[in-house]
Amino acid sequence: MTSKHTPGPYLFRHDYGTRYIIISDSVQEAVGVAYGKANAVFFTAAPQLLVALDRAVQDIDSGWAEDAEERFPWLIDARAAIKDAKGE
């Protein structure tokens, strides 16, 4: 997969008021702005969340029967979210 975004991990720094600057730790440059600390925390955690969700889906796909989507209905949403996050 080729990256369509600035690589993480990401950090955030308080700018002023409720504004936080999102920084790519790997390239040491600002990549975005979040308003509210909760949004900044969520944004910086997104890459880890994507990896964890992708691994969970891959594990289920490799070890479960054909009826995995019936057993785990959230798989459909998870696959769609992964595709969206990867820009596919």
Protein backbone atom coordinates (compact mmCIF):
# COMPACT_ATOMS: atom_id res chain seq x y z
CA MET A 1 0.00 0.00 0.00
CA THR A 2 1.37 3.38 -0.91
CA SER A 3 0.65 6.07 1.60
CA LYS A 4 -1.79 8.79 0.54
CA HIS A 5 -1.19 10.78 3.69
CA THR A 6 1.69 12.12 5.72
CA PRO A 7 3.07 9.22 7.75
CA GLY A 8 2.57 9.05 11.49
CA PRO A 9 2.91 8.67 14.31
CA TYR A 10 1.22 11.95 15.06
CA LEU A 11 1.58 14.27 18.01
CA PHE A 12 -0.38 17.35 18.94
CA ARG A 13 0.57 20.63 20.52
CA HIS A 14 -1.73 23.21 22.01
CA ASP A 15 -1.75 26.36 19.90
CA TYR A 16 -4.28 28.70 21.53
CA GLY A 17 -7.79 28.52 22.85
CA THR A 18 -9.25 25.21 21.74
CA ARG A 19 -6.91 24.91 18.73
CA TYR A 20 -4.34 22.10 18.56
CA ILE A 21 -1.74 21.59 15.84
CA ILE A 22 -1.34 18.00 14.60
CA ILE A 23 2.28 17.15 13.82
CA SER A 24 3.74 14.19 11.97
CA ASP A 25 6.50 12.92 14.24
CA SER A 26 8.20 11.13 11.35
CA VAL A 27 8.65 14.25 9.18
CA GLN A 28 8.39 16.88 11.94
CA GLU A 29 5.85 19.05 10.17
CA ALA A 30 2.33 20.25 10.87
CA VAL A 31 -0.28 18.22 9.02
CA GLY A 32 -3.51 19.58 10.41
CA VAL A 33 -5.46 21.43 13.03
CA ALA A 34 -7.95 20.05 15.51
CA TYR A 35 -10.36 22.06 17.62
CA GLY A 36 -10.72 20.61 21.09
CA LYS A 37 -8.28 18.34 22.90
CA ALA A 38 -10.53 15.29 22.49
CA ASN A 39 -10.42 15.72 18.70
CA ALA A 40 -6.63 16.08 18.75
CA VAL A 41 -6.29 12.92 20.84
CA PHE A 42 -8.60 11.00 18.50
CA PHE A 43 -6.77 12.21 15.38
CA THR A 44 -3.39 11.16 16.75
CA ALA A 45 -4.73 7.73 17.72
CA ALA A 46 -6.34 7.08 14.31
CA PRO A 47 -3.35 5.28 12.73
CA GLN A 48 -3.17 2.82 15.63
CA LEU A 49 -6.92 2.28 15.50
CA LEU A 50 -6.73 1.54 11.77
CA VAL A 51 -3.93 -1.00 12.24
CA ALA A 52 -5.79 -2.73 15.07
CA LEU A 53 -9.07 -2.91 13.12
CA ASP A 54 -7.30 -4.14 9.99
CA ARG A 55 -5.56 -6.89 11.98
CA ALA A 56 -8.81 -7.96 13.61
CA VAL A 57 -10.55 -8.22 10.23
CA GLN A 58 -7.62 -10.13 8.72
CA ASP A 59 -7.57 -12.55 11.67
CA ILE A 60 -11.27 -13.26 11.32
CA ASP A 61 -10.99 -13.60 7.54
CA SER A 62 -8.15 -16.09 7.83
CA GLY A 63 -9.59 -18.24 10.56
CA TRP A 64 -13.37 -18.35 10.23
CA ALA A 65 -15.85 -20.08 8.02
CA GLU A 66 -17.68 -18.58 5.06
CA ASP A 67 -20.36 -17.20 7.40
CA ALA A 68 -18.04 -14.75 9.19
CA GLU A 69 -20.19 -11.76 8.20
CA GLU A 70 -23.26 -13.47 9.63
CA ARG A 71 -21.42 -14.23 12.87
CA PHE A 72 -19.83 -10.79 13.02
CA PRO A 73 -22.10 -8.27 11.28
CA TRP A 74 -19.72 -5.42 12.13
CA LEU A 75 -17.24 -6.84 9.58
CA ILE A 76 -19.09 -5.14 6.73
CA ASP A 77 -18.76 -1.72 8.39
CA ALA A 78 -15.17 -2.45 9.43
CA ARG A 79 -14.13 -3.33 5.88
CA ALA A 80 -15.78 -0.18 4.53
CA ALA A 81 -14.08 1.98 7.19
CA ILE A 82 -10.68 0.45 6.38
CA LYS A 83 -11.15 1.13 2.67
CA ASP A 84 -12.19 4.72 3.37
CA ALA A 85 -9.23 5.30 5.69
CA LYS A 86 -6.84 3.92 3.08
CA GLY A 87 -8.41 5.99 0.30
CA GLU A 88 -9.42 2.94 -1.71
